[in-house]
Every structure is written in structure tokens, then in C-alpha cells.
Amino acid sequence: MRFITEPGSHDLTYSDVFMVPNRSAVASRFDVDLSSVDGTGTTIPIIASNMTAVSGRRMAETIARRGGMAILPQDIPVPVVAQTIEWIKERHPVVETPLKLSVRDTVLQAIHLMPRRVHGCAVLLDDGKFAGIVSQDSLQGVDQFTSLADVMEQPQVTFDIAEFNDVDNRRNLFDKLEDARLDYAPVLSGAEVVGCVTRASILRSTIYSPALDARGKLRVGAALGVNGDVVARAQALAAAGADVLVLDTAHGHQEKMIEALTAVKAEDLGLPLVAGNVVTGEGTRDLIEAGADIVKVGVGPGAMCTTRMMTAVGRPQLSAVLECAQAATELGKHVWADGGVKYPRDVALALAAGASQVMIGSWFAGTHESPGDMLVDEKGQRYKESFGMASARAVANRTRNESPFDRARKALFEEGISSGRMFVDPQNPGVEDLIDSITSGVRSSCTYAGARSLPEFAERAVVGVQSAAGYDEGQPRLQSW
């Protein structure tokens, strides 16, 4: 990245800058390769943050299927993380995991589960074999204790899993649903249900390449803190099948982090090690020298974080990413931009500043795939609760095995919001909808810069500093002024 005008003496965040177009030979956004070059194996530069309200198994499988990766939070017990990783590794890399119910279940049970899927459909099983489907429409005006066998539908279209082996054949599968005016179909292997698809998911499978490990399984990362037996937890997470380890603490440039990172690196677990968070080149260099392959950048930019208001500590995110990425590049390593993104333009600017990936937290919390329950406010708007990982709520989760006295002491010191409402966008209710929007914007940014890859983008991007009025000028208007 270079500046078209002098950046000035103060630090900058994403809203402070704009990007100008270059002469470009990149004719189509599909000519842009969004694969990462940091050794994590992702095909799009998007990481779901290691927040309890963001990254669970549904988020992890969905993001990996589209080429990104989720990081499982550090406050989950290792046996549960191991079970989650095993579940994710068993998911199909192309078709979605279906919601399964029995024909003997009731309409009430289905009503409680249906909001977990954007498409609002489930497959029905009879003694483990495919029997039919049920949709939210078929549940309307029916007694809630009615058996699902009585409202079951027989789908006009089903697919065999073998039909998805050929990418070129997926256009025909899309056309079958389109011709039948359907938006959902079960995927079978004989009488066994192995997945489901929608028109959108078939279309996406022709655009995105899943993030797969050497065995062809979906990738997922796992986080650990710097307290306790860090080496034992790192070994356990590696043995469980994690593809990336993230050593995470709010203040990453501290001796305890360096000691923990050095100890984990000495184990030579064969996995990329991510460590953070920092906001300076010095912090980046120290963590890389201690063993980090990737440094996580960002203190205080997250929507659920109160660190800057409580402590005044932090740094505007664009300047932090730019300085840390330059320091990492000099040492042959990489950085992830963690937090502060609200729009696709912010993701593009983080990548232009040199980040190899962008971590997203609260933006993804308000989707069907995040772990929280779907709630409805007094106005009828759907939302999910999110909370910061330094909040009293998160601290309580991490310290649940400590004494009541120690837990009470630690609860006094919080730097995060314990309950925030992340509203579900009716137009983009799923994380895949957001991924579509983000990658579309980033691909277009690359074409404007004349870049066919992310390293080229970071090299060719040209930005300038703008006023608040300049930023406001670029926003669309939903009504006349």
C-alpha cells in the first residue's frame, strides 16, 4: 500500500482513507485469486473470531466450506473442542449438513429447531432412513402436537451425493431446482441422508473452493490462552486435529505470552502458530522471534471491546495493521487484522495494508450460524446476543473451575460488553450472505487496483486520507435529501 497524499502525523482507521483506481488489466472479479499465502490453507481471507458468541461448529463448517476458517474459543474444555473438531472434520466439503427430525417428532419440536436454518427446512427420518421433508410453511396453522408424519412432504427433487463430484455438473443440478421452482433438496446416498442443498448453495459451490486439509477434510483452528498448562493444551488441540493454533490474550506484548509461545514452538507440533494481540512493529517482531508464524493485530477496535474507553490503550486499526504487516513481511511472516471491520471496504483496506487474513467477530454474531439462540425484541426484530471475550460474562466462563473468591475478584476487572444485541439482517441472515458481500467487494477492490492476488493487492493499492465529509459522501442514500 502507498499513499497518494501525505498521511499526516496522526494514526488512521479504515474510515479515514479511500482507495483510488489504477490502470488495470484484470477484466473480471473472478480473475482474482483470494487464497491466503500464510500457510493456513484458506482460499478466502476471512477468519471467524475465537469468540464464544461467534465460532461454534455450525459457523466453522459453513465458513470452511466457503474457503475461510473459524477459530474455536479458548474457554471451551478440551474434550468438547475435540468432539467439535471431529464433528467438523466429518462434514461434507460441498453439501450442507441437514437438520434431521423423526417422523414421530411433533410440530412443536420442529418449530423450535427450524429457525436454526436460513432455508427453514428439515429432512424427516423413519428408523434412520429418508422419509420426506418438512418446511416452515407446512407447519403453519397446525396443532403443535401433531406428528410430523402428518405434515410430511415428498420432495419433487432429490440428489445423489455422487452428482456433486463433478463441478461442471452443478449447473445442471441448479437448473433442476430452478425448473421445479424449488429452493431446497435433500442429498442422499441410497436411503441415507448425507446432506441438503439450496439453489444458492449449489451456486456458491461453483464460486468458492473449500478450505481442506491434507486428508480433504474441512479446516478449523483452535485458541488457547497464556495461563495454566499451555503446552499440554496445545498438544491436546493438535492431537484433536486442529489445523491452526491461536495463542490469544488481550495484551499480547507481554512476557507471559512470549514464554508460552516459546514453549509451544519448542514442541514442533507442525501447525501454524498465531499469537496476539499487538499494535506495533516492535510487538510483532518480538512475537515472531518467540515463534509466531502469524501475529494477530488489534487492541480495542472490536464492537464488544471497551479497552480503549476503560484504559486509553489501543491504536487506530489501519495504522496498526500497516506497521505490523511491514514488520512481519521483513521477517517472512504474516499478520491477521483482528477487529474493527463493519463493511466490505474495511476488509479490503485491511488486506491492502498487508494483512493476510481479516478476523470478523460481531459482524458474524448476528447470523443463523453463530452459536447463540435466536431471540426476538419488543419490535419483532430477530437478534442474537454477543459479548466480548474480556467481559465479565466471558471471564466467568473461563474461571468456572476456580474458587468463588477468585472468580469474584477477576469479575471486578472487565474490558468488554457482556450482552450486546446483534440484529439479524433480513436480507443477509446467513454468514454465507455476508461472505458473498465481503468477497464481492474485495474482488472488485482488487480489479480497481489491477491485482490478481492478495500479495499483488497489498503492493499495488493506493490510498488517500479523507475528512469525515469525504467518508460521508461515499455512503449511499436510501431516500432523497
Protein backbone atom coordinates (compact mmCIF):
# COMPACT_ATOMS: atom_id res chain seq x y z
CA MET A 1 0.00 0.00 0.00
CA ARG A 2 1.18 3.52 -0.71
CA PHE A 3 -0.41 6.89 0.00
CA ILE A 4 -1.33 9.25 -2.83
CA THR A 5 -1.16 12.14 -0.37
CA GLU A 6 0.83 12.60 2.82
CA PRO A 7 -0.87 10.54 5.55
CA GLY A 8 -0.25 13.20 8.19
CA SER A 9 1.04 12.84 11.71
CA HIS A 10 -1.90 11.02 13.31
CA ASP A 11 -2.85 7.36 13.08
CA LEU A 12 -5.67 6.23 10.82
CA THR A 13 -8.53 3.79 10.92
CA TYR A 14 -10.44 2.36 7.97
CA SER A 15 -12.93 5.22 7.69
CA ASP A 16 -10.10 7.75 7.41
CA VAL A 17 -8.90 6.59 3.99
CA PHE A 18 -10.11 5.93 0.46
CA MET A 19 -8.59 3.91 -2.37
CA VAL A 20 -8.01 5.28 -5.87
CA PRO A 21 -8.17 3.14 -9.03
CA ASN A 22 -5.09 2.11 -11.00
CA ARG A 23 -4.73 1.20 -14.63
CA SER A 24 -5.85 -2.42 -14.65
CA ALA A 25 -5.70 -5.42 -16.97
CA VAL A 26 -7.91 -7.51 -14.65
CA ALA A 27 -11.14 -7.76 -16.62
CA SER A 28 -13.27 -9.76 -14.18
CA ARG A 29 -13.51 -10.11 -10.43
CA PHE A 30 -13.42 -13.89 -10.98
CA ASP A 31 -9.86 -13.47 -12.27
CA VAL A 32 -8.81 -12.57 -8.71
CA ASP A 33 -7.34 -15.31 -6.50
CA LEU A 34 -8.25 -14.67 -2.85
CA SER A 35 -6.22 -17.60 -1.47
CA SER A 36 -4.08 -16.87 1.56
CA VAL A 37 -0.31 -17.17 1.45
CA ASP A 38 0.24 -17.55 5.19
CA GLY A 39 0.25 -21.35 5.34
CA THR A 40 -3.24 -21.75 6.83
CA GLY A 41 -4.75 -23.23 3.66
CA THR A 42 -7.71 -20.87 3.29
CA THR A 43 -9.00 -19.87 -0.13
CA ILE A 44 -10.65 -16.64 1.03
CA PRO A 45 -9.04 -14.28 3.59
CA ILE A 46 -11.77 -14.50 6.23
CA ILE A 47 -11.39 -15.85 9.76
CA ALA A 48 -14.29 -16.12 12.20
CA SER A 49 -13.05 -14.78 15.52
CA ASN A 50 -12.44 -17.01 18.53
CA MET A 51 -15.43 -15.54 20.37
CA THR A 52 -17.89 -17.77 22.19
CA ALA A 53 -20.81 -15.93 20.57
CA VAL A 54 -19.34 -16.38 17.08
CA SER A 55 -17.41 -19.58 16.42
CA GLY A 56 -19.13 -22.89 17.05
CA ARG A 57 -19.37 -25.99 14.90
CA ARG A 58 -22.02 -24.65 12.50
CA MET A 59 -20.03 -21.46 11.91
CA ALA A 60 -16.84 -23.46 11.47
CA GLU A 61 -18.22 -25.91 8.91
CA THR A 62 -20.01 -23.22 6.90
CA ILE A 63 -17.05 -20.85 6.69
CA ALA A 64 -14.60 -23.63 5.84
CA ARG A 65 -16.94 -24.87 3.11
CA ARG A 66 -16.63 -21.41 1.52
CA GLY A 67 -12.86 -21.25 1.95
CA GLY A 68 -12.34 -19.43 5.25
CA MET A 69 -11.74 -20.70 8.76
CA ALA A 70 -13.22 -20.35 12.23
CA ILE A 71 -11.17 -20.38 15.43
CA LEU A 72 -12.81 -22.21 18.33
CA PRO A 73 -12.66 -20.19 21.58
CA GLN A 74 -10.19 -20.85 24.37
CA ASP A 75 -12.81 -21.12 27.12
CA ILE A 76 -14.21 -24.40 25.80
CA PRO A 77 -12.92 -27.54 27.62
CA VAL A 78 -10.50 -29.61 25.55
CA PRO A 79 -12.77 -32.71 25.36
CA VAL A 80 -15.58 -30.55 23.97
CA VAL A 81 -13.21 -28.91 21.48
CA ALA A 82 -12.02 -32.37 20.39
CA GLN A 83 -15.61 -33.52 19.83
CA THR A 84 -16.36 -30.34 17.88
CA ILE A 85 -13.29 -30.72 15.66
CA GLU A 86 -14.21 -34.37 15.00
CA TRP A 87 -17.74 -33.30 14.03
CA ILE A 88 -16.45 -30.61 11.68
CA LYS A 89 -14.00 -32.99 10.04
CA GLU A 90 -16.87 -35.39 9.32
CA ARG A 91 -18.89 -32.77 7.41
CA HIS A 92 -19.11 -32.91 3.65
CA PRO A 93 -17.00 -30.28 1.87
CA VAL A 94 -19.73 -29.38 -0.64
CA VAL A 95 -23.24 -30.07 0.66
CA GLU A 96 -24.72 -28.61 3.83
CA THR A 97 -25.39 -30.60 6.98
CA PRO A 98 -29.17 -31.08 7.11
CA LEU A 99 -31.48 -30.55 10.04
CA LYS A 100 -32.83 -34.04 10.82
CA LEU A 101 -36.05 -34.91 12.62
CA SER A 102 -38.01 -38.12 13.11
CA VAL A 103 -41.45 -38.70 11.63
CA ARG A 104 -42.52 -39.35 15.22
CA ASP A 105 -41.44 -35.89 16.40
CA THR A 106 -44.05 -33.19 16.82
CA VAL A 107 -44.70 -29.90 15.05
CA LEU A 108 -43.71 -28.12 18.27
CA GLN A 109 -40.25 -29.72 18.18
CA ALA A 110 -39.83 -28.65 14.57
CA ILE A 111 -40.92 -25.09 15.30
CA HIS A 112 -38.17 -24.78 17.91
CA LEU A 113 -35.47 -26.07 15.54
CA MET A 114 -36.45 -24.54 12.19
CA PRO A 115 -35.02 -21.05 12.92
CA ARG A 116 -31.56 -22.63 13.02
CA ARG A 117 -31.53 -22.82 9.21
CA VAL A 118 -31.84 -19.98 6.71
CA HIS A 119 -33.85 -22.15 4.31
CA GLY A 120 -36.31 -23.24 7.02
CA CYS A 121 -36.47 -26.92 6.01
CA ALA A 122 -35.65 -30.26 7.61
CA VAL A 123 -35.47 -33.86 6.46
CA LEU A 124 -37.60 -36.48 8.18
CA LEU A 125 -36.27 -39.92 9.03
CA ASP A 126 -38.09 -43.16 9.73
CA ASP A 127 -35.83 -45.59 11.58
CA GLY A 128 -32.83 -43.68 10.24
CA LYS A 129 -33.92 -43.80 6.60
CA PHE A 130 -35.12 -40.90 4.48
CA ALA A 131 -38.89 -40.46 4.62
CA GLY A 132 -39.63 -36.92 3.43
CA ILE A 133 -39.17 -33.26 4.29
CA VAL A 134 -40.92 -30.60 6.32
CA SER A 135 -40.84 -26.84 5.82
CA GLN A 136 -41.88 -23.86 7.92
CA ASP A 137 -44.82 -23.31 5.55
CA SER A 138 -46.13 -26.81 6.25
CA LEU A 139 -46.18 -26.07 9.99
CA GLN A 140 -48.45 -23.05 9.75
CA GLY A 141 -51.99 -23.41 11.16
CA VAL A 142 -51.30 -26.91 12.52
CA ASP A 143 -51.80 -28.10 16.08
CA GLN A 144 -48.37 -28.07 17.69
CA PHE A 145 -48.69 -31.61 19.00
CA THR A 146 -49.40 -33.04 15.54
CA SER A 147 -46.96 -35.72 14.43
CA LEU A 148 -44.59 -34.62 11.67
CA ALA A 149 -45.63 -37.71 9.74
CA ASP A 150 -48.98 -35.98 9.22
CA VAL A 151 -47.46 -32.84 7.65
CA MET A 152 -44.61 -34.52 5.82
CA GLU A 153 -43.99 -33.61 2.18
CA GLN A 154 -42.43 -35.72 -0.55
CA PRO A 155 -39.85 -33.60 -2.40
CA GLN A 156 -40.11 -33.32 -6.16
CA VAL A 157 -36.33 -33.34 -6.44
CA THR A 158 -33.63 -35.26 -4.56
CA PHE A 159 -29.97 -35.60 -5.46
CA ASP A 160 -27.45 -38.39 -5.13
CA ILE A 161 -24.22 -37.36 -3.43
CA ALA A 162 -22.20 -38.68 -6.38
CA GLU A 163 -23.74 -35.97 -8.58
CA PHE A 164 -21.67 -33.35 -6.75
CA ASN A 165 -18.30 -34.86 -7.59
CA ASP A 166 -18.17 -33.04 -10.93
CA VAL A 167 -18.11 -29.25 -10.59
CA ASP A 168 -19.26 -28.84 -14.19
CA ASN A 169 -22.40 -30.88 -13.41
CA ARG A 170 -23.57 -28.46 -10.72
CA ARG A 171 -25.10 -26.12 -13.27
CA ASN A 172 -27.45 -28.97 -14.21
CA LEU A 173 -28.34 -29.53 -10.54
CA PHE A 174 -29.11 -25.84 -10.14
CA ASP A 175 -31.31 -25.95 -13.25
CA LYS A 176 -33.28 -28.90 -11.86
CA LEU A 177 -34.25 -26.91 -8.79
CA GLU A 178 -34.90 -23.82 -10.87
CA ASP A 179 -37.16 -25.70 -13.29
CA ALA A 180 -39.08 -27.26 -10.39
CA ARG A 181 -39.36 -23.83 -8.70
CA LEU A 182 -37.81 -25.29 -5.57
CA ASP A 183 -35.16 -23.88 -3.27
CA TYR A 184 -34.34 -26.96 -1.23
CA ALA A 185 -33.49 -30.58 -1.90
CA PRO A 186 -32.16 -33.46 0.23
CA VAL A 187 -28.93 -35.17 -0.84
CA LEU A 188 -28.94 -38.94 -0.43
CA SER A 189 -26.65 -41.92 -0.57
CA GLY A 190 -29.10 -44.73 -1.14
CA ALA A 191 -31.73 -44.27 1.60
CA GLU A 192 -29.30 -42.41 3.88
CA VAL A 193 -29.48 -38.64 4.13
CA VAL A 194 -25.98 -37.16 3.79
CA GLY A 195 -26.79 -33.51 3.18
CA CYS A 196 -29.02 -30.90 1.66
CA VAL A 197 -28.65 -28.08 -0.87
CA THR A 198 -30.39 -24.94 -2.00
CA ARG A 199 -30.03 -23.11 -5.28
CA ALA A 200 -27.76 -20.60 -3.55
CA SER A 201 -25.53 -23.30 -2.04
CA ILE A 202 -25.13 -25.04 -5.42
CA LEU A 203 -24.23 -21.72 -7.00
CA ARG A 204 -21.72 -20.95 -4.25
CA SER A 205 -20.07 -24.35 -4.69
CA THR A 206 -19.09 -23.25 -8.21
CA ILE A 207 -17.56 -19.99 -6.96
CA TYR A 208 -15.81 -20.93 -3.71
CA SER A 209 -13.25 -23.64 -3.03
CA PRO A 210 -13.46 -25.18 0.45
CA ALA A 211 -10.54 -24.89 2.88
CA LEU A 212 -9.41 -28.50 3.15
CA ASP A 213 -6.60 -30.23 5.00
CA ALA A 214 -4.29 -32.86 3.52
CA ARG A 215 -6.99 -35.52 4.03
CA GLY A 216 -9.62 -33.48 2.22
CA LYS A 217 -11.38 -32.51 5.48
CA LEU A 218 -12.65 -29.04 6.38
CA ARG A 219 -10.15 -26.87 8.24
CA VAL A 220 -10.70 -25.39 11.70
CA GLY A 221 -8.46 -23.62 14.20
CA ALA A 222 -8.48 -23.54 18.00
CA ALA A 223 -7.43 -20.91 20.54
CA LEU A 224 -5.66 -21.19 23.87
CA GLY A 225 -4.71 -18.64 26.49
CA VAL A 226 -1.35 -17.98 28.13
CA ASN A 227 -2.26 -19.21 31.63
CA GLY A 228 -2.20 -22.73 33.02
CA ASP A 229 -0.52 -25.64 31.27
CA VAL A 230 -0.31 -24.05 27.84
CA VAL A 231 1.87 -26.78 26.33
CA ALA A 232 -0.48 -29.57 27.43
CA ARG A 233 -3.48 -27.77 25.92
CA ALA A 234 -1.59 -27.08 22.68
CA GLN A 235 -0.63 -30.74 22.43
CA ALA A 236 -4.22 -31.81 23.07
CA LEU A 237 -5.63 -29.43 20.46
CA ALA A 238 -3.08 -30.60 17.89
CA ALA A 239 -3.90 -34.24 18.66
CA ALA A 240 -7.61 -33.43 18.27
CA GLY A 241 -7.00 -32.31 14.70
CA ALA A 242 -6.85 -28.51 14.88
CA ASP A 243 -5.26 -27.05 11.76
CA VAL A 244 -4.10 -23.79 13.36
CA LEU A 245 -3.30 -22.85 16.96
CA VAL A 246 -4.03 -19.31 18.18
CA LEU A 247 -2.37 -18.11 21.38
CA ASP A 248 -4.65 -15.30 22.42
CA THR A 249 -4.60 -12.64 25.10
CA ALA A 250 -5.72 -9.02 25.14
CA HIS A 251 -2.16 -7.80 25.78
CA GLY A 252 -0.01 -9.93 23.52
CA HIS A 253 3.22 -7.99 24.01
CA GLN A 254 3.98 -9.35 27.46
CA GLU A 255 6.48 -11.77 28.95
CA LYS A 256 3.88 -14.44 29.74
CA MET A 257 2.88 -14.57 26.06
CA ILE A 258 6.49 -14.79 24.93
CA GLU A 259 7.18 -17.60 27.43
CA ALA A 260 4.06 -19.52 26.37
CA LEU A 261 4.76 -19.04 22.67
CA THR A 262 8.38 -20.14 23.04
CA ALA A 263 7.30 -23.27 24.91
CA VAL A 264 4.63 -24.23 22.33
CA LYS A 265 7.02 -23.56 19.43
CA ALA A 266 9.58 -25.90 21.01
CA GLU A 267 7.05 -28.75 20.78
CA ASP A 268 7.23 -28.56 16.96
CA LEU A 269 3.58 -29.54 16.53
CA GLY A 270 3.64 -28.98 12.78
CA LEU A 271 0.85 -26.36 12.83
CA PRO A 272 0.89 -22.64 12.06
CA LEU A 273 1.11 -20.66 15.31
CA VAL A 274 -0.83 -17.41 15.58
CA ALA A 275 -0.19 -15.09 18.53
CA GLY A 276 -1.52 -11.73 19.68
CA ASN A 277 -2.79 -9.16 20.08
CA VAL A 278 -0.35 -6.34 19.39
CA VAL A 279 -0.44 -2.99 17.56
CA THR A 280 3.22 -2.12 16.98
CA GLY A 281 6.08 -3.29 14.83
CA GLU A 282 8.13 -3.96 17.95
CA GLY A 283 5.44 -6.23 19.38
CA THR A 284 5.17 -8.04 16.06
CA ARG A 285 8.90 -8.66 15.86
CA ASP A 286 9.09 -9.92 19.45
CA LEU A 287 6.28 -12.46 18.90
CA ILE A 288 7.78 -13.68 15.63
CA GLU A 289 11.17 -14.12 17.28
CA ALA A 290 9.44 -16.13 20.01
CA GLY A 291 7.94 -18.49 17.41
CA ALA A 292 4.81 -16.96 15.88
CA ASP A 293 4.17 -17.64 12.21
CA ILE A 294 1.31 -15.12 12.21
CA VAL A 295 0.71 -12.17 14.53
CA LYS A 296 -2.79 -11.01 15.43
CA VAL A 297 -3.17 -7.23 15.26
CA GLY A 298 -5.77 -5.14 17.06
CA VAL A 299 -6.34 -3.72 20.54
CA GLY A 300 -9.73 -2.17 21.17
CA PRO A 301 -11.37 -1.92 17.70
CA GLY A 302 -13.96 -4.66 18.26
CA ALA A 303 -17.65 -3.85 18.71
CA MET A 304 -17.80 -5.68 22.06
CA CYS A 305 -14.50 -4.29 23.39
CA THR A 306 -14.29 -1.44 25.92
CA THR A 307 -10.50 -1.47 26.32
CA ARG A 308 -9.92 1.95 24.79
CA MET A 309 -12.63 3.58 26.87
CA MET A 310 -11.51 1.88 30.07
CA THR A 311 -7.73 2.16 29.65
CA ALA A 312 -6.99 4.50 26.71
CA VAL A 313 -4.86 1.66 25.32
CA GLY A 314 -5.11 0.69 21.66
CA ARG A 315 -4.46 2.15 18.25
CA PRO A 316 -6.49 3.04 15.14
CA GLN A 317 -6.63 -0.22 13.24
CA LEU A 318 -5.39 0.70 9.75
CA SER A 319 -2.15 2.22 11.05
CA ALA A 320 -1.66 -0.73 13.40
CA VAL A 321 -2.11 -3.28 10.61
CA LEU A 322 0.12 -1.34 8.22
CA GLU A 323 3.04 -1.06 10.66
CA CYS A 324 2.74 -4.63 11.95
CA ALA A 325 2.42 -6.09 8.44
CA GLN A 326 5.58 -4.28 7.31
CA ALA A 327 7.49 -5.65 10.31
CA ALA A 328 6.20 -9.19 9.70
CA THR A 329 6.99 -9.07 5.97
CA GLU A 330 10.60 -8.14 6.72
CA LEU A 331 10.86 -11.37 8.74
CA GLY A 332 9.00 -13.51 6.17
CA LYS A 333 5.87 -13.84 8.33
CA HIS A 334 2.28 -12.54 8.28
CA VAL A 335 -0.39 -10.72 10.30
CA TRP A 336 -4.13 -11.07 10.76
CA ALA A 337 -6.19 -7.91 11.15
CA ASP A 338 -8.41 -8.59 14.16
CA GLY A 339 -11.49 -6.40 14.65
CA GLY A 340 -12.93 -3.09 13.57
CA VAL A 341 -14.46 -4.13 10.24
CA LYS A 342 -18.07 -3.17 9.56
CA TYR A 343 -18.23 -3.08 5.74
CA PRO A 344 -16.55 -4.92 2.86
CA ARG A 345 -14.45 -1.78 2.22
CA ASP A 346 -12.84 -2.23 5.66
CA VAL A 347 -11.85 -5.81 4.84
CA ALA A 348 -10.34 -4.64 1.54
CA LEU A 349 -8.36 -1.90 3.27
CA ALA A 350 -7.00 -4.34 5.88
CA LEU A 351 -5.78 -6.60 3.09
CA ALA A 352 -4.37 -3.63 1.20
CA ALA A 353 -2.44 -2.70 4.35
CA GLY A 354 -0.78 -6.13 4.22
CA ALA A 355 -2.91 -8.44 6.37
CA SER A 356 -3.06 -12.00 5.06
CA GLN A 357 -6.47 -12.55 6.70
CA VAL A 358 -9.16 -10.48 8.39
CA MET A 359 -10.80 -11.72 11.59
CA ILE A 360 -14.51 -10.96 11.97
CA GLY A 361 -16.44 -11.23 15.22
CA SER A 362 -19.61 -9.27 16.00
CA TRP A 363 -20.47 -8.87 12.31
CA PHE A 364 -20.88 -12.65 12.15
CA ALA A 365 -22.56 -12.97 15.55
CA GLY A 366 -25.93 -11.88 14.12
CA THR A 367 -26.29 -14.80 11.70
CA HIS A 368 -28.04 -18.15 11.75
CA GLU A 369 -24.72 -19.99 12.03
CA SER A 370 -23.46 -18.34 15.24
CA PRO A 371 -23.91 -20.46 18.40
CA GLY A 372 -26.42 -18.26 20.25
CA ASP A 373 -30.18 -18.72 20.43
CA MET A 374 -32.32 -16.67 18.07
CA LEU A 375 -34.21 -14.07 20.10
CA VAL A 376 -36.89 -11.51 19.24
CA ASP A 377 -37.06 -7.99 20.67
CA GLU A 378 -40.09 -5.91 21.54
CA LYS A 379 -40.36 -4.69 17.93
CA GLY A 380 -40.31 -8.19 16.47
CA GLN A 381 -36.72 -7.93 15.22
CA ARG A 382 -34.62 -11.07 15.45
CA TYR A 383 -31.22 -10.90 17.14
CA LYS A 384 -28.55 -12.91 18.89
CA GLU A 385 -26.57 -11.93 21.94
CA SER A 386 -22.87 -11.20 21.61
CA PHE A 387 -20.29 -10.47 24.28
CA GLY A 388 -16.62 -9.52 24.47
CA MET A 389 -14.00 -12.07 25.44
CA ALA A 390 -12.71 -9.78 28.20
CA SER A 391 -16.21 -9.14 29.55
CA ALA A 392 -17.41 -10.36 32.96
CA ARG A 393 -19.50 -12.98 31.18
CA ALA A 394 -16.51 -14.42 29.29
CA VAL A 395 -14.28 -14.25 32.36
CA ALA A 396 -16.89 -16.21 34.32
CA ASN A 397 -16.83 -18.92 31.65
CA ARG A 398 -13.03 -19.16 31.71
CA THR A 399 -12.77 -19.24 35.51
CA ARG A 400 -15.63 -21.63 36.25
CA ASN A 401 -13.25 -24.14 37.86
CA GLU A 402 -11.69 -21.59 40.22
CA SER A 403 -12.85 -20.75 43.73
CA PRO A 404 -15.81 -18.39 44.19
CA PHE A 405 -13.48 -15.84 45.81
CA ASP A 406 -11.00 -15.83 42.91
CA ARG A 407 -13.82 -15.67 40.38
CA ALA A 408 -15.38 -12.72 42.18
CA ARG A 409 -12.05 -10.86 42.22
CA LYS A 410 -11.49 -11.35 38.50
CA ALA A 411 -15.06 -10.34 37.66
CA LEU A 412 -14.31 -6.85 39.01
CA PHE A 413 -11.97 -6.19 36.10
CA GLU A 414 -13.70 -6.36 32.74
CA GLU A 415 -12.95 -4.73 29.41
CA GLY A 416 -15.86 -5.85 27.29
CA ILE A 417 -19.61 -5.76 26.88
CA SER A 418 -21.37 -8.74 28.49
CA SER A 419 -24.56 -8.55 26.42
CA GLY A 420 -24.90 -6.82 23.07
CA ARG A 421 -27.67 -7.31 20.53
CA MET A 422 -26.52 -8.33 17.07
CA PHE A 423 -29.59 -7.98 14.86
CA VAL A 424 -30.13 -10.44 12.02
CA ASP A 425 -30.27 -8.68 8.68
CA PRO A 426 -33.43 -9.94 6.90
CA GLN A 427 -31.65 -9.53 3.56
CA ASN A 428 -28.46 -11.27 4.72
CA PRO A 429 -29.45 -13.65 7.54
CA GLY A 430 -26.71 -16.23 6.98
CA VAL A 431 -22.95 -15.95 7.26
CA GLU A 432 -22.69 -17.07 3.63
CA ASP A 433 -24.67 -13.99 2.60
CA LEU A 434 -22.10 -11.83 4.38
CA ILE A 435 -19.22 -13.77 2.83
CA ASP A 436 -20.75 -13.15 -0.61
CA SER A 437 -20.90 -9.42 0.10
CA ILE A 438 -17.37 -9.26 1.54
CA THR A 439 -15.63 -11.28 -1.14
CA SER A 440 -17.52 -9.46 -3.89
CA GLY A 441 -16.27 -6.14 -2.52
CA VAL A 442 -12.71 -7.38 -2.06
CA ARG A 443 -12.58 -8.88 -5.55
CA SER A 444 -13.80 -5.60 -7.03
CA SER A 445 -11.22 -3.67 -5.00
CA CYS A 446 -8.52 -5.91 -6.46
CA THR A 447 -9.71 -5.26 -10.01
CA TYR A 448 -9.64 -1.49 -9.35
CA ALA A 449 -6.06 -1.86 -8.10
CA GLY A 450 -5.08 -4.08 -11.03
CA ALA A 451 -4.24 -7.03 -8.76
CA ARG A 452 -4.88 -10.71 -9.42
CA SER A 453 -3.85 -11.91 -5.93
CA LEU A 454 -3.74 -10.63 -2.38
CA PRO A 455 0.05 -10.04 -2.37
CA GLU A 456 -0.34 -8.01 -5.57
CA PHE A 457 -3.19 -6.09 -3.98
CA ALA A 458 -1.09 -5.10 -0.97
CA GLU A 459 1.66 -3.99 -3.35
CA ARG A 460 -0.49 -2.05 -5.82
CA ALA A 461 -3.18 -0.46 -3.63
CA VAL A 462 -3.06 3.34 -3.50
CA VAL A 463 -4.94 5.18 -0.76
CA GLY A 464 -5.50 8.73 0.38
CA VAL A 465 -6.63 10.39 3.60
CA GLN A 466 -10.13 11.83 3.70
CA SER A 467 -12.22 14.00 6.00
CA ALA A 468 -15.39 12.86 7.72
CA ALA A 469 -17.28 14.69 4.96
CA GLY A 470 -15.38 12.68 2.35
CA TYR A 471 -16.39 9.44 4.04
CA ASP A 472 -19.99 10.61 4.28
CA GLU A 473 -20.02 11.50 0.57
CA GLY A 474 -19.32 7.88 -0.31
CA GLN A 475 -22.31 6.47 1.54
CA PRO A 476 -25.47 5.61 -0.40
CA ARG A 477 -28.75 7.38 0.36
CA LEU A 478 -31.86 5.32 0.93
CA GLN A 479 -34.08 8.33 0.33
CA SER A 480 -33.78 11.75 -1.25
CA TRP A 481 -32.27 14.62 0.76
